[in-house]
Amino acid sequence: LPLVPFLIGVSSQGEFLVEISGTTVTITCPIDGDDIQWTLSGTAQAIKERKFTIRDHDSKSANLSCSLENRKHELYLNAKVCANCEELDALTVAGIITADLLITLGVLILVYYFSKGRKGRASSAGDSRPRGQKMQRPPPVPNPDYEPIRKGQREVYAGLGPRGI
C-alpha cells in the first residue's frame, strides 16, 4: 500500500497544516481570521475561510498562499495523492509488523530444529572416520595368503624387479 504523505509548510509566523485523504487535500492557513484570501498558482479563489480544500487533486505541484490584510503566507504544495490508497492507523501498522516478525521467528526456529536433526544423520552416513583428533592407526593385520620376506630368502624374489615396458 502506498503511504499517504502528511505535509507541513513552514512560514516565519506559523505553519500550514496539510491533510491528505484519497484525492482530497485540505490546507489550514496559519492566520486566524474570517476574511482570508486564498491564491492557487496565481489565481484568486472564492474561499474566504481558514481551511482551503482541493477536491480531486491531480498530484501536480502548486504555489498556494493565504493572506489577510497585510499578512501573507505562501506554501509550495507538492502532494502525491491516489484514489485507491488505504489509510492505516499506527496500531494496524504495528500489528502487521509484529505478526511478520513472529512468523519469521517461527520459520527460523523450524529450520534450525530440522537442520539440527539432519546434520547428525548426514555425518554418520557419509564419513565413518571420527571427527576428533587424528589418531595413529595400528599397522594392518598381515594377510595369511602372503608370506613375509625373510632375510635368507631374498634370492627367491630377486627376479621380480621392475620391468621396462
Protein backbone atom coordinates (compact mmCIF):
# COMPACT_ATOMS: atom_id res chain seq x y z
CA LEU A 1 0.00 0.00 0.00
CA PRO A 2 1.38 3.43 -0.82
CA LEU A 3 1.98 5.77 2.07
CA VAL A 4 -0.17 8.86 2.39
CA PRO A 5 2.07 11.89 2.98
CA PHE A 6 1.38 14.45 5.71
CA LEU A 7 2.93 17.78 4.81
CA ILE A 8 3.56 20.87 6.88
CA GLY A 9 4.68 24.06 5.21
CA VAL A 10 6.73 26.29 7.48
CA SER A 11 6.44 30.03 7.38
CA SER A 12 8.01 32.70 9.55
CA GLN A 13 4.87 33.34 11.66
CA GLY A 14 3.23 29.91 11.71
CA GLU A 15 2.74 26.62 9.97
CA PHE A 16 0.33 25.44 7.33
CA LEU A 17 -1.46 22.24 8.21
CA VAL A 18 -1.89 19.98 5.19
CA GLU A 19 -4.17 16.93 5.41
CA ILE A 20 -4.49 14.39 2.61
CA SER A 21 -7.26 11.84 2.30
CA GLY A 22 -7.58 9.99 -1.02
CA THR A 23 -7.53 12.72 -3.67
CA THR A 24 -8.73 15.47 -1.33
CA VAL A 25 -6.17 17.92 0.08
CA THR A 26 -7.17 20.26 2.92
CA ILE A 27 -4.85 23.16 3.84
CA THR A 28 -5.28 25.22 7.01
CA CYS A 29 -3.84 28.74 6.97
CA PRO A 30 -1.75 29.82 9.96
CA ILE A 31 -3.54 33.18 10.06
CA ASP A 32 -6.59 33.46 12.32
CA GLY A 33 -9.45 35.38 10.73
CA ASP A 34 -12.69 35.25 8.79
CA ASP A 35 -11.85 37.05 5.55
CA ILE A 36 -8.78 35.14 4.32
CA GLN A 37 -7.91 35.46 0.64
CA TRP A 38 -6.57 32.24 -0.96
CA THR A 39 -4.49 32.20 -4.15
CA LEU A 40 -3.76 28.94 -6.00
CA SER A 41 -0.98 29.18 -8.64
CA GLY A 42 -1.67 32.89 -9.21
CA THR A 43 -5.46 32.55 -9.35
CA ALA A 44 -7.59 34.08 -6.57
CA GLN A 45 -10.06 31.65 -5.01
CA ALA A 46 -13.57 32.38 -3.77
CA ILE A 47 -12.99 30.64 -0.43
CA LYS A 48 -12.74 33.09 2.49
CA GLU A 49 -12.36 30.56 5.33
CA ARG A 50 -9.24 29.46 7.19
CA LYS A 51 -9.41 25.97 5.61
CA PHE A 52 -9.00 25.54 1.87
CA THR A 53 -9.99 22.20 0.31
CA ILE A 54 -8.83 20.93 -3.08
CA ARG A 55 -11.01 18.05 -4.27
CA ASP A 56 -9.76 15.59 -6.93
CA HIS A 57 -6.19 16.89 -6.71
CA ASP A 58 -4.09 15.63 -9.65
CA SER A 59 -0.74 15.42 -7.76
CA LYS A 60 0.68 18.40 -9.65
CA SER A 61 2.76 20.87 -7.67
CA ALA A 62 1.21 24.25 -6.96
CA ASN A 63 2.03 27.55 -5.26
CA LEU A 64 -0.56 28.40 -2.65
CA SER A 65 -0.90 31.48 -0.48
CA CYS A 66 -3.29 32.80 2.11
CA SER A 67 -3.43 36.43 3.14
CA LEU A 68 -5.35 38.68 5.50
CA GLU A 69 -4.83 42.43 5.27
CA ASN A 70 -1.02 42.92 5.26
CA ARG A 71 -0.07 39.37 6.41
CA LYS A 72 0.64 36.78 3.74
CA HIS A 73 1.84 33.15 3.98
CA GLU A 74 2.98 31.12 0.99
CA LEU A 75 3.20 27.36 0.53
CA TYR A 76 4.68 25.24 -2.24
CA LEU A 77 2.37 22.20 -2.40
CA ASN A 78 3.85 19.02 -3.85
CA ALA A 79 1.44 16.35 -2.60
CA LYS A 80 1.17 12.91 -4.18
CA VAL A 81 -2.36 11.55 -3.93
CA CYS A 82 -4.09 8.40 -5.12
CA ALA A 83 -7.72 7.36 -5.37
CA ASN A 84 -7.17 3.74 -4.27
CA CYS A 85 -4.98 4.36 -1.21
CA GLU A 86 -5.99 2.91 2.12
CA GLU A 87 -5.34 4.86 5.30
CA LEU A 88 -3.87 2.79 8.12
CA ASP A 89 -3.65 3.84 11.72
CA ALA A 90 -0.50 3.29 13.78
CA LEU A 91 -1.97 0.31 15.67
CA THR A 92 -2.71 -1.60 12.45
CA VAL A 93 0.79 -0.98 11.08
CA ALA A 94 2.36 -2.08 14.40
CA GLY A 95 0.20 -5.25 14.35
CA ILE A 96 1.28 -6.12 10.80
CA ILE A 97 4.98 -5.63 11.64
CA THR A 98 4.67 -7.67 14.86
CA ALA A 99 2.87 -10.53 13.08
CA ASP A 100 5.53 -10.55 10.34
CA LEU A 101 8.35 -10.73 12.90
CA LEU A 102 6.64 -13.57 14.81
CA ILE A 103 6.09 -15.60 11.62
CA THR A 104 9.71 -15.05 10.58
CA LEU A 105 10.94 -16.13 14.02
CA GLY A 106 8.77 -19.25 13.84
CA VAL A 107 10.19 -20.20 10.44
CA LEU A 108 13.74 -19.66 11.73
CA ILE A 109 13.11 -21.95 14.72
CA LEU A 110 11.63 -24.65 12.48
CA VAL A 111 14.57 -24.50 10.07
CA TYR A 112 17.02 -24.65 12.98
CA TYR A 113 15.46 -27.76 14.53
CA PHE A 114 15.04 -29.60 11.22
CA SER A 115 18.61 -28.83 10.12
CA LYS A 116 19.95 -29.83 13.54
CA GLY A 117 18.39 -33.31 13.21
CA ARG A 118 19.66 -33.81 9.66
CA LYS A 119 23.21 -32.77 10.48
CA GLY A 120 23.66 -35.70 12.88
CA ARG A 121 22.31 -38.25 10.39
CA ALA A 122 24.21 -36.93 7.39
CA SER A 123 27.62 -37.00 9.06
CA SER A 124 27.27 -40.59 10.31
CA ALA A 125 26.21 -41.88 6.89
CA GLY A 126 28.73 -40.02 4.75
CA ASP A 127 32.08 -40.44 6.51
CA SER A 128 32.73 -43.09 9.16
CA ARG A 129 36.02 -41.59 10.37
CA PRO A 130 35.94 -39.95 13.77
CA ARG A 131 35.98 -36.15 13.60
CA GLY A 132 38.09 -35.69 16.75
CA GLN A 133 41.87 -35.53 16.91
CA LYS A 134 43.74 -37.57 14.32
CA MET A 135 44.94 -40.76 15.97
CA GLN A 136 47.68 -43.03 14.64
CA ARG A 137 46.28 -46.26 13.37
CA PRO A 138 48.00 -49.52 14.12
CA PRO A 139 49.54 -51.33 11.13
CA PRO A 140 47.14 -53.57 9.23
CA VAL A 141 46.93 -57.23 10.18
CA PRO A 142 49.08 -59.29 7.75
CA ASN A 143 47.21 -61.31 5.21
CA PRO A 144 47.87 -65.04 5.75
CA ASP A 145 47.84 -65.63 1.95
CA TYR A 146 51.17 -63.83 1.57
CA GLU A 147 54.31 -64.92 3.31
CA PRO A 148 56.67 -62.20 4.55
CA ILE A 149 60.19 -61.99 3.07
CA ARG A 150 62.78 -63.27 5.48
CA LYS A 151 66.44 -62.29 5.45
CA GLY A 152 67.75 -65.52 3.98
CA GLN A 153 65.16 -65.81 1.20
CA ARG A 154 65.71 -62.65 -0.79
CA GLU A 155 67.10 -64.52 -3.83
CA VAL A 156 63.73 -66.25 -4.36
CA TYR A 157 62.19 -62.91 -5.15
CA ALA A 158 65.23 -61.31 -6.85
CA GLY A 159 63.87 -61.87 -10.36
CA LEU A 160 60.69 -59.86 -9.61
CA GLY A 161 62.31 -56.48 -10.22
CA PRO A 162 60.69 -53.75 -12.27
CA ARG A 163 60.44 -54.44 -15.97
CA GLY A 164 60.54 -51.87 -18.74
CA ILE A 165 57.50 -51.96 -20.92
